[in-house]
Amino acid sequence: MSTKYKTGDNELAHFITFSVVNWIDALTRNEYKDIIVESLKYCCNKKGMILNAWIIMSNHVHLVMSAKRNYVIGNILRDLKKFTSKQIFTAIKDNKRESRKEWMTWMFERAGKRNSNNENIQFWQQGNHPIELTTASMLSQRLNYLHENPVRAGIVYEPQDYLYSSGIDYYTTKKGMIQIEHLQC
């Protein structure tokens, strides 16, 4: 079975999930999450991404996004994942404070060797599993699921208190780390 899921209409909002290989909690440090934040900003400014909602957890990322006219969601995600995988892997290798450095780099190198689509390492699992959000009900359910992630994980009490998400944009009048295009359900 193919692990390559297909997007529908690129100009419609999609709920997208991508995960670290073997669900490794590699994104526990803010400096690693910051790489993803900066890359998402770049994709919004230069790659045609329209970001509606986002969250970075310890081992996966959820996005609600679409693409501007003449851009393709799959291409945006490919570039985002390729860039961030290299940057985060390097950040882990170079981080003197990273207690799990040897184990994580070994796991990412091992995963890369087992996958013919990679040259050296594999940080993200293949596939993005996009779900086209065609109804207000689907959109509302996915936004709630996305923003409630850190609450369910016991990290925060309220969705708007988690720094690495668009929860603050949806639950307050404040702006979060990344400018989003707010969706109404």
N, C-alpha and C. Protein backbone atom coordinates (compact mmCIF):
# COMPACT_ATOMS: atom_id res chain seq x y z
N MET A 1 0.84 -1.18 0.00
CA MET A 1 0.00 0.00 0.00
C MET A 1 0.88 1.24 0.00
N SER A 2 0.57 2.21 -0.80
CA SER A 2 1.33 3.44 -0.90
C SER A 2 1.18 4.28 0.35
N THR A 3 2.29 4.91 0.77
CA THR A 3 2.23 5.82 1.91
C THR A 3 2.05 7.25 1.43
N LYS A 4 1.90 7.44 0.14
CA LYS A 4 1.77 8.79 -0.40
C LYS A 4 0.30 9.13 -0.58
N TYR A 5 -0.20 9.90 0.35
CA TYR A 5 -1.58 10.35 0.29
C TYR A 5 -1.65 11.54 -0.65
N LYS A 6 -2.78 11.72 -1.26
CA LYS A 6 -2.96 12.80 -2.23
C LYS A 6 -3.87 13.87 -1.66
N THR A 7 -3.55 15.11 -2.01
CA THR A 7 -4.42 16.21 -1.63
C THR A 7 -5.52 16.33 -2.67
N GLY A 8 -6.59 16.97 -2.27
CA GLY A 8 -7.67 17.25 -3.21
C GLY A 8 -7.41 18.59 -3.87
N ASP A 9 -8.37 19.47 -3.81
CA ASP A 9 -8.25 20.82 -4.35
C ASP A 9 -7.25 21.60 -3.49
N ASN A 10 -6.12 21.98 -4.08
CA ASN A 10 -5.05 22.65 -3.34
C ASN A 10 -5.48 23.97 -2.72
N GLU A 11 -6.53 24.56 -3.23
CA GLU A 11 -6.98 25.85 -2.71
C GLU A 11 -7.99 25.71 -1.57
N LEU A 12 -8.36 24.47 -1.23
CA LEU A 12 -9.23 24.22 -0.09
C LEU A 12 -8.39 23.82 1.12
N ALA A 13 -8.87 24.16 2.31
CA ALA A 13 -8.15 23.82 3.53
C ALA A 13 -8.04 22.31 3.69
N HIS A 14 -6.87 21.86 4.11
CA HIS A 14 -6.60 20.46 4.40
C HIS A 14 -6.05 20.34 5.81
N PHE A 15 -6.42 19.27 6.50
CA PHE A 15 -5.83 18.92 7.77
C PHE A 15 -4.69 17.96 7.46
N ILE A 16 -3.49 18.29 7.91
CA ILE A 16 -2.30 17.51 7.55
C ILE A 16 -1.54 17.17 8.81
N THR A 17 -1.09 15.93 8.87
CA THR A 17 -0.27 15.46 9.98
C THR A 17 1.01 14.87 9.43
N PHE A 18 2.13 15.21 10.03
CA PHE A 18 3.36 14.48 9.74
C PHE A 18 4.11 14.26 11.04
N SER A 19 4.77 13.11 11.13
CA SER A 19 5.34 12.63 12.40
C SER A 19 6.82 12.30 12.24
N VAL A 20 7.52 12.41 13.35
CA VAL A 20 8.92 11.99 13.41
C VAL A 20 8.96 10.47 13.28
N VAL A 21 9.98 9.94 12.59
CA VAL A 21 10.08 8.49 12.44
C VAL A 21 10.04 7.82 13.81
N ASN A 22 9.38 6.70 13.85
CA ASN A 22 9.23 5.90 15.06
C ASN A 22 8.62 6.70 16.22
N TRP A 23 7.96 7.78 15.90
CA TRP A 23 7.31 8.64 16.90
C TRP A 23 8.30 9.07 17.99
N ILE A 24 9.55 9.28 17.61
CA ILE A 24 10.57 9.73 18.56
C ILE A 24 10.23 11.13 19.03
N ASP A 25 10.30 11.36 20.33
CA ASP A 25 10.04 12.69 20.89
C ASP A 25 11.26 13.59 20.67
N ALA A 26 11.52 13.90 19.42
CA ALA A 26 12.70 14.68 19.04
C ALA A 26 12.47 16.18 19.16
N LEU A 27 11.22 16.61 19.27
CA LEU A 27 10.89 18.03 19.25
C LEU A 27 10.56 18.56 20.64
N THR A 28 11.29 18.09 21.63
CA THR A 28 11.04 18.53 23.00
C THR A 28 11.73 19.85 23.32
N ARG A 29 12.75 20.19 22.58
CA ARG A 29 13.48 21.44 22.82
C ARG A 29 12.94 22.54 21.91
N ASN A 30 12.81 23.73 22.47
CA ASN A 30 12.28 24.86 21.70
C ASN A 30 13.11 25.18 20.47
N GLU A 31 14.43 25.02 20.55
CA GLU A 31 15.26 25.36 19.39
C GLU A 31 14.94 24.47 18.18
N TYR A 32 14.48 23.26 18.40
CA TYR A 32 14.09 22.39 17.29
C TYR A 32 12.73 22.82 16.74
N LYS A 33 11.81 23.14 17.64
CA LYS A 33 10.50 23.62 17.20
C LYS A 33 10.63 24.96 16.48
N ASP A 34 11.57 25.80 16.91
CA ASP A 34 11.77 27.10 16.26
C ASP A 34 12.19 26.94 14.79
N ILE A 35 12.90 25.89 14.48
CA ILE A 35 13.27 25.62 13.08
C ILE A 35 12.01 25.42 12.25
N ILE A 36 11.06 24.69 12.78
CA ILE A 36 9.80 24.45 12.07
C ILE A 36 9.01 25.74 11.95
N VAL A 37 8.96 26.52 13.02
CA VAL A 37 8.24 27.80 12.99
C VAL A 37 8.80 28.69 11.88
N GLU A 38 10.11 28.84 11.82
CA GLU A 38 10.72 29.70 10.81
C GLU A 38 10.47 29.16 9.41
N SER A 39 10.48 27.85 9.26
CA SER A 39 10.23 27.25 7.95
C SER A 39 8.77 27.45 7.53
N LEU A 40 7.85 27.35 8.48
CA LEU A 40 6.44 27.61 8.16
C LEU A 40 6.26 29.06 7.72
N LYS A 41 6.92 29.99 8.39
CA LYS A 41 6.85 31.40 7.99
C LYS A 41 7.38 31.57 6.57
N TYR A 42 8.50 30.92 6.29
CA TYR A 42 9.09 31.01 4.96
C TYR A 42 8.14 30.45 3.91
N CYS A 43 7.54 29.31 4.20
CA CYS A 43 6.60 28.70 3.25
C CYS A 43 5.40 29.61 2.99
N CYS A 44 4.96 30.32 4.01
CA CYS A 44 3.85 31.26 3.83
C CYS A 44 4.27 32.44 2.97
N ASN A 45 5.48 32.92 3.16
CA ASN A 45 5.94 34.10 2.43
C ASN A 45 6.46 33.80 1.03
N LYS A 46 7.04 32.61 0.83
CA LYS A 46 7.74 32.34 -0.44
C LYS A 46 7.28 31.12 -1.21
N LYS A 47 6.55 30.22 -0.57
CA LYS A 47 6.21 28.94 -1.21
C LYS A 47 4.73 28.76 -1.51
N GLY A 48 3.91 29.78 -1.24
CA GLY A 48 2.49 29.69 -1.56
C GLY A 48 1.62 29.02 -0.52
N MET A 49 2.13 28.81 0.68
CA MET A 49 1.33 28.20 1.74
C MET A 49 0.37 29.23 2.33
N ILE A 50 -0.86 28.81 2.54
CA ILE A 50 -1.83 29.57 3.31
C ILE A 50 -2.04 28.76 4.59
N LEU A 51 -1.53 29.27 5.69
CA LEU A 51 -1.59 28.55 6.96
C LEU A 51 -2.77 29.06 7.77
N ASN A 52 -3.66 28.14 8.12
CA ASN A 52 -4.87 28.48 8.88
C ASN A 52 -4.76 28.10 10.35
N ALA A 53 -4.06 27.03 10.64
CA ALA A 53 -3.88 26.58 12.02
C ALA A 53 -2.68 25.65 12.05
N TRP A 54 -2.03 25.56 13.21
CA TRP A 54 -0.83 24.73 13.31
C TRP A 54 -0.56 24.37 14.76
N ILE A 55 0.18 23.30 14.94
CA ILE A 55 0.68 22.92 16.26
C ILE A 55 1.90 22.03 16.06
N ILE A 56 2.88 22.23 16.91
CA ILE A 56 4.07 21.38 16.92
C ILE A 56 4.10 20.68 18.27
N MET A 57 3.97 19.38 18.25
CA MET A 57 4.05 18.58 19.47
C MET A 57 5.44 17.95 19.55
N SER A 58 5.67 17.09 20.51
CA SER A 58 7.01 16.53 20.71
C SER A 58 7.44 15.58 19.60
N ASN A 59 6.48 15.00 18.90
CA ASN A 59 6.84 14.01 17.87
C ASN A 59 6.00 14.12 16.59
N HIS A 60 5.19 15.15 16.49
CA HIS A 60 4.40 15.32 15.27
C HIS A 60 3.94 16.76 15.12
N VAL A 61 3.48 17.06 13.92
CA VAL A 61 3.00 18.39 13.57
C VAL A 61 1.63 18.22 12.92
N HIS A 62 0.70 19.09 13.29
CA HIS A 62 -0.60 19.18 12.61
C HIS A 62 -0.69 20.56 11.97
N LEU A 63 -1.21 20.60 10.76
CA LEU A 63 -1.45 21.86 10.07
C LEU A 63 -2.85 21.85 9.50
N VAL A 64 -3.48 23.01 9.43
CA VAL A 64 -4.62 23.22 8.56
C VAL A 64 -4.13 24.27 7.58
N MET A 65 -4.09 23.90 6.31
CA MET A 65 -3.48 24.76 5.31
C MET A 65 -4.09 24.53 3.94
N SER A 66 -3.83 25.46 3.07
CA SER A 66 -4.14 25.32 1.66
C SER A 66 -3.00 25.97 0.90
N ALA A 67 -3.12 26.02 -0.40
CA ALA A 67 -2.08 26.63 -1.23
C ALA A 67 -2.69 27.76 -2.06
N LYS A 68 -1.87 28.75 -2.31
CA LYS A 68 -2.30 29.82 -3.20
C LYS A 68 -2.45 29.25 -4.61
N ARG A 69 -3.17 29.97 -5.45
CA ARG A 69 -3.38 29.56 -6.83
C ARG A 69 -2.02 29.26 -7.50
N ASN A 70 -1.97 28.18 -8.25
CA ASN A 70 -0.79 27.72 -8.98
C ASN A 70 0.31 27.13 -8.09
N TYR A 71 0.01 26.87 -6.83
CA TYR A 71 0.93 26.16 -5.94
C TYR A 71 0.29 24.83 -5.57
N VAL A 72 1.13 23.88 -5.15
CA VAL A 72 0.66 22.53 -4.84
C VAL A 72 1.04 22.20 -3.39
N ILE A 73 0.05 21.80 -2.61
CA ILE A 73 0.28 21.46 -1.21
C ILE A 73 1.40 20.43 -1.06
N GLY A 74 1.36 19.39 -1.87
CA GLY A 74 2.37 18.34 -1.78
C GLY A 74 3.79 18.87 -1.98
N ASN A 75 3.97 19.80 -2.88
CA ASN A 75 5.30 20.38 -3.12
C ASN A 75 5.75 21.23 -1.94
N ILE A 76 4.82 21.99 -1.37
CA ILE A 76 5.14 22.80 -0.20
C ILE A 76 5.58 21.91 0.96
N LEU A 77 4.82 20.86 1.21
CA LEU A 77 5.14 19.95 2.31
C LEU A 77 6.45 19.20 2.07
N ARG A 78 6.69 18.80 0.84
CA ARG A 78 7.95 18.12 0.50
C ARG A 78 9.13 19.02 0.86
N ASP A 79 9.07 20.27 0.43
CA ASP A 79 10.17 21.20 0.70
C ASP A 79 10.30 21.51 2.18
N LEU A 80 9.18 21.69 2.86
CA LEU A 80 9.18 21.96 4.29
C LEU A 80 9.82 20.81 5.05
N LYS A 81 9.40 19.60 4.76
CA LYS A 81 9.93 18.43 5.47
C LYS A 81 11.39 18.18 5.14
N LYS A 82 11.77 18.37 3.89
CA LYS A 82 13.17 18.15 3.49
C LYS A 82 14.08 19.14 4.21
N PHE A 83 13.71 20.41 4.21
CA PHE A 83 14.53 21.43 4.85
C PHE A 83 14.60 21.23 6.36
N THR A 84 13.44 21.06 6.99
CA THR A 84 13.43 20.94 8.45
C THR A 84 14.11 19.67 8.93
N SER A 85 14.02 18.59 8.17
CA SER A 85 14.68 17.36 8.60
C SER A 85 16.19 17.55 8.68
N LYS A 86 16.76 18.19 7.69
CA LYS A 86 18.21 18.43 7.69
C LYS A 86 18.60 19.40 8.80
N GLN A 87 17.83 20.47 8.95
CA GLN A 87 18.15 21.47 9.96
C GLN A 87 18.02 20.93 11.37
N ILE A 88 16.97 20.19 11.64
CA ILE A 88 16.77 19.66 13.00
C ILE A 88 17.80 18.58 13.30
N PHE A 89 18.09 17.74 12.33
CA PHE A 89 19.11 16.69 12.53
C PHE A 89 20.45 17.33 12.88
N THR A 90 20.84 18.36 12.15
CA THR A 90 22.09 19.07 12.43
C THR A 90 22.05 19.73 13.80
N ALA A 91 20.92 20.34 14.14
CA ALA A 91 20.78 20.99 15.45
C ALA A 91 20.92 19.97 16.58
N ILE A 92 20.36 18.79 16.40
CA ILE A 92 20.49 17.74 17.41
C ILE A 92 21.95 17.30 17.53
N LYS A 93 22.59 17.06 16.39
CA LYS A 93 24.00 16.63 16.40
C LYS A 93 24.91 17.65 17.03
N ASP A 94 24.62 18.94 16.83
CA ASP A 94 25.49 20.01 17.33
C ASP A 94 25.15 20.48 18.73
N ASN A 95 24.08 19.98 19.31
CA ASN A 95 23.62 20.45 20.61
C ASN A 95 24.36 19.72 21.73
N LYS A 96 25.23 20.45 22.40
CA LYS A 96 26.02 19.86 23.48
C LYS A 96 25.16 19.47 24.68
N ARG A 97 23.97 20.07 24.80
CA ARG A 97 23.08 19.78 25.92
C ARG A 97 22.11 18.63 25.62
N GLU A 98 22.15 18.10 24.40
CA GLU A 98 21.20 17.05 24.02
C GLU A 98 21.65 15.71 24.58
N SER A 99 20.96 15.24 25.61
CA SER A 99 21.34 13.99 26.28
C SER A 99 21.07 12.76 25.42
N ARG A 100 20.16 12.87 24.48
CA ARG A 100 19.79 11.70 23.65
C ARG A 100 20.38 11.79 22.25
N LYS A 101 21.40 12.63 22.07
CA LYS A 101 21.98 12.91 20.76
C LYS A 101 22.42 11.64 20.02
N GLU A 102 23.23 10.81 20.66
CA GLU A 102 23.75 9.62 19.98
C GLU A 102 22.63 8.67 19.58
N TRP A 103 21.70 8.46 20.48
CA TRP A 103 20.59 7.54 20.18
C TRP A 103 19.72 8.09 19.05
N MET A 104 19.35 9.37 19.12
CA MET A 104 18.49 9.93 18.08
C MET A 104 19.18 9.95 16.72
N THR A 105 20.44 10.37 16.68
CA THR A 105 21.13 10.41 15.38
C THR A 105 21.25 8.99 14.82
N TRP A 106 21.50 8.02 15.67
CA TRP A 106 21.57 6.64 15.22
C TRP A 106 20.23 6.18 14.64
N MET A 107 19.14 6.53 15.33
CA MET A 107 17.81 6.14 14.86
C MET A 107 17.47 6.79 13.52
N PHE A 108 17.81 8.08 13.35
CA PHE A 108 17.51 8.77 12.10
C PHE A 108 18.39 8.25 10.95
N GLU A 109 19.64 7.94 11.24
CA GLU A 109 20.53 7.37 10.22
C GLU A 109 20.06 5.96 9.85
N ARG A 110 19.67 5.19 10.83
CA ARG A 110 19.17 3.83 10.60
C ARG A 110 17.91 3.87 9.73
N ALA A 111 17.00 4.76 10.04
CA ALA A 111 15.77 4.89 9.24
C ALA A 111 16.10 5.32 7.81
N GLY A 112 17.08 6.20 7.66
CA GLY A 112 17.48 6.65 6.33
C GLY A 112 18.06 5.52 5.48
N LYS A 113 18.86 4.67 6.10
CA LYS A 113 19.47 3.55 5.38
C LYS A 113 18.43 2.53 4.94
N ARG A 114 17.34 2.44 5.67
CA ARG A 114 16.29 1.47 5.36
C ARG A 114 15.30 1.98 4.32
N ASN A 115 15.43 3.23 3.94
CA ASN A 115 14.47 3.83 3.01
C ASN A 115 15.22 4.30 1.77
N SER A 116 14.92 3.72 0.64
CA SER A 116 15.63 4.05 -0.60
C SER A 116 15.33 5.46 -1.09
N ASN A 117 14.33 6.12 -0.54
CA ASN A 117 14.01 7.50 -0.93
C ASN A 117 14.92 8.53 -0.27
N ASN A 118 15.76 8.10 0.66
CA ASN A 118 16.63 9.02 1.40
C ASN A 118 18.07 8.81 1.02
N GLU A 119 18.86 9.86 1.23
CA GLU A 119 20.29 9.75 0.99
C GLU A 119 21.02 9.28 2.24
N ASN A 120 20.77 9.93 3.37
CA ASN A 120 21.50 9.60 4.59
C ASN A 120 20.61 9.36 5.79
N ILE A 121 19.73 10.30 6.04
CA ILE A 121 18.91 10.23 7.24
C ILE A 121 17.43 10.32 6.88
N GLN A 122 16.61 9.89 7.81
CA GLN A 122 15.17 10.12 7.69
C GLN A 122 14.70 10.63 9.04
N PHE A 123 14.21 11.86 9.04
CA PHE A 123 13.69 12.46 10.27
C PHE A 123 12.18 12.31 10.34
N TRP A 124 11.50 12.68 9.26
CA TRP A 124 10.03 12.59 9.20
C TRP A 124 9.60 11.27 8.58
N GLN A 125 8.52 10.72 9.08
CA GLN A 125 7.91 9.58 8.41
C GLN A 125 7.44 10.02 7.03
N GLN A 126 7.41 9.09 6.11
CA GLN A 126 6.90 9.43 4.78
C GLN A 126 5.39 9.62 4.85
N GLY A 127 4.89 10.44 3.95
CA GLY A 127 3.46 10.70 3.88
C GLY A 127 3.05 11.85 4.78
N ASN A 128 1.91 12.43 4.45
CA ASN A 128 1.40 13.57 5.19
C ASN A 128 -0.05 13.38 5.60
N HIS A 129 -0.70 12.43 5.02
CA HIS A 129 -2.10 12.12 5.27
C HIS A 129 -3.00 13.34 5.25
N PRO A 130 -3.10 14.04 4.12
CA PRO A 130 -3.97 15.22 4.04
C PRO A 130 -5.45 14.84 3.99
N ILE A 131 -6.26 15.58 4.72
CA ILE A 131 -7.71 15.39 4.70
C ILE A 131 -8.33 16.72 4.28
N GLU A 132 -9.01 16.70 3.14
CA GLU A 132 -9.66 17.90 2.65
C GLU A 132 -10.85 18.23 3.55
N LEU A 133 -10.90 19.46 4.02
CA LEU A 133 -11.96 19.90 4.95
C LEU A 133 -13.06 20.56 4.14
N THR A 134 -14.07 19.80 3.81
CA THR A 134 -15.10 20.25 2.89
C THR A 134 -16.34 20.81 3.56
N THR A 135 -16.46 20.62 4.88
CA THR A 135 -17.64 21.14 5.57
C THR A 135 -17.21 21.92 6.82
N ALA A 136 -18.08 22.79 7.29
CA ALA A 136 -17.80 23.55 8.51
C ALA A 136 -17.64 22.60 9.71
N SER A 137 -18.39 21.52 9.72
CA SER A 137 -18.30 20.55 10.80
C SER A 137 -16.92 19.88 10.82
N MET A 138 -16.44 19.48 9.66
CA MET A 138 -15.10 18.87 9.57
C MET A 138 -14.03 19.86 10.03
N LEU A 139 -14.15 21.08 9.58
CA LEU A 139 -13.18 22.12 9.93
C LEU A 139 -13.18 22.36 11.44
N SER A 140 -14.35 22.51 12.03
CA SER A 140 -14.46 22.74 13.46
C SER A 140 -13.87 21.58 14.26
N GLN A 141 -14.18 20.36 13.84
CA GLN A 141 -13.67 19.18 14.54
C GLN A 141 -12.15 19.13 14.49
N ARG A 142 -11.56 19.39 13.32
CA ARG A 142 -10.10 19.32 13.18
C ARG A 142 -9.41 20.46 13.92
N LEU A 143 -9.99 21.66 13.90
CA LEU A 143 -9.39 22.78 14.65
C LEU A 143 -9.40 22.48 16.14
N ASN A 144 -10.50 21.95 16.64
CA ASN A 144 -10.57 21.59 18.06
C ASN A 144 -9.58 20.49 18.40
N TYR A 145 -9.52 19.47 17.56
CA TYR A 145 -8.58 18.36 17.79
C TYR A 145 -7.14 18.89 17.82
N LEU A 146 -6.79 19.70 16.86
CA LEU A 146 -5.45 20.25 16.76
C LEU A 146 -5.11 21.06 18.01
N HIS A 147 -5.96 22.00 18.37
CA HIS A 147 -5.66 22.90 19.48
C HIS A 147 -5.77 22.22 20.85
N GLU A 148 -6.53 21.16 20.96
CA GLU A 148 -6.67 20.44 22.23
C GLU A 148 -5.53 19.45 22.47
N ASN A 149 -4.67 19.23 21.48
CA ASN A 149 -3.56 18.28 21.61
C ASN A 149 -2.74 18.48 22.88
N PRO A 150 -2.23 19.68 23.16
CA PRO A 150 -1.40 19.83 24.37
C PRO A 150 -2.21 19.75 25.66
N VAL A 151 -3.50 20.00 25.60
CA VAL A 151 -4.36 19.84 26.77
C VAL A 151 -4.50 18.34 27.08
N ARG A 152 -4.81 17.55 26.05
CA ARG A 152 -4.92 16.10 26.23
C ARG A 152 -3.61 15.49 26.72
N ALA A 153 -2.48 16.07 26.29
CA ALA A 153 -1.17 15.56 26.68
C ALA A 153 -0.76 16.01 28.08
N GLY A 154 -1.56 16.89 28.70
CA GLY A 154 -1.26 17.37 30.04
C GLY A 154 -0.17 18.42 30.09
N ILE A 155 0.09 19.08 28.98
CA ILE A 155 1.15 20.09 28.93
C ILE A 155 0.63 21.44 29.41
N VAL A 156 -0.61 21.77 29.03
CA VAL A 156 -1.24 23.03 29.42
C VAL A 156 -2.69 22.74 29.83
N TYR A 157 -3.29 23.72 30.51
CA TYR A 157 -4.70 23.59 30.88
C TYR A 157 -5.62 24.11 29.78
N GLU A 158 -5.17 25.12 29.06
CA GLU A 158 -6.00 25.75 28.04
C GLU A 158 -5.23 25.79 26.71
N PRO A 159 -5.91 25.56 25.59
CA PRO A 159 -5.23 25.52 24.29
C PRO A 159 -4.44 26.79 23.97
N GLN A 160 -4.94 27.94 24.38
CA GLN A 160 -4.27 29.20 24.06
C GLN A 160 -2.96 29.39 24.83
N ASP A 161 -2.70 28.54 25.82
CA ASP A 161 -1.48 28.67 26.61
C ASP A 161 -0.29 27.92 26.02
N TYR A 162 -0.52 27.13 24.98
CA TYR A 162 0.59 26.39 24.37
C TYR A 162 1.24 27.28 23.32
N LEU A 163 2.51 27.58 23.53
CA LEU A 163 3.24 28.54 22.69
C LEU A 163 3.34 28.11 21.24
N TYR A 164 3.58 26.84 20.99
CA TYR A 164 3.85 26.38 19.62
C TYR A 164 2.57 25.90 18.92
N SER A 165 1.60 26.80 18.86
CA SER A 165 0.37 26.51 18.14
C SER A 165 -0.36 27.81 17.82
N SER A 166 -1.39 27.67 17.03
CA SER A 166 -2.23 28.82 16.70
C SER A 166 -3.40 28.95 17.69
N GLY A 167 -3.36 28.23 18.79
CA GLY A 167 -4.42 28.30 19.79
C GLY A 167 -4.68 29.71 20.27
N ILE A 168 -3.63 30.47 20.48
CA ILE A 168 -3.79 31.85 20.95
C ILE A 168 -4.57 32.69 19.94
N ASP A 169 -4.39 32.40 18.64
CA ASP A 169 -5.09 33.13 17.59
C ASP A 169 -6.58 32.81 17.57
N TYR A 170 -6.94 31.58 17.93
CA TYR A 170 -8.33 31.15 17.86
C TYR A 170 -9.10 31.38 19.17
N TYR A 171 -8.40 31.39 20.30
CA TYR A 171 -9.08 31.47 21.59
C TYR A 171 -8.95 32.82 22.28
N THR A 172 -8.14 33.73 21.71
CA THR A 172 -7.97 35.05 22.30
C THR A 172 -7.91 36.09 21.16
N THR A 173 -7.73 37.32 21.52
CA THR A 173 -7.56 38.39 20.52
C THR A 173 -6.08 38.64 20.24
N LYS A 174 -5.20 37.89 20.89
CA LYS A 174 -3.75 38.04 20.68
C LYS A 174 -3.31 37.28 19.44
N LYS A 175 -2.10 37.59 18.99
CA LYS A 175 -1.51 36.93 17.82
C LYS A 175 -0.41 35.98 18.27
N GLY A 176 -0.31 34.86 17.60
CA GLY A 176 0.70 33.86 17.92
C GLY A 176 2.01 34.09 17.19
N MET A 177 2.84 33.09 17.19
CA MET A 177 4.19 33.17 16.62
C MET A 177 4.20 33.29 15.10
N ILE A 178 3.17 32.74 14.46
CA ILE A 178 3.10 32.74 13.00
C ILE A 178 1.79 33.41 12.59
N GLN A 179 1.87 34.31 11.63
CA GLN A 179 0.65 34.93 11.13
C GLN A 179 -0.15 33.88 10.37
N ILE A 180 -1.41 33.75 10.74
CA ILE A 180 -2.28 32.77 10.09
C ILE A 180 -3.44 33.49 9.40
N GLU A 181 -4.08 32.75 8.52
CA GLU A 181 -5.34 33.22 7.94
C GLU A 181 -6.44 32.49 8.70
N HIS A 182 -7.07 33.20 9.59
CA HIS A 182 -8.06 32.66 10.51
C HIS A 182 -9.26 32.13 9.73
N LEU A 183 -9.73 30.94 10.09
CA LEU A 183 -10.91 30.32 9.47
C LEU A 183 -12.09 30.43 10.43
N GLN A 184 -13.25 30.69 9.89
CA GLN A 184 -14.48 30.69 10.68
C GLN A 184 -15.21 29.39 10.43
N CYS A 185 -15.68 28.79 11.50
CA CYS A 185 -16.42 27.52 11.37
C CYS A 185 -17.92 27.79 11.36
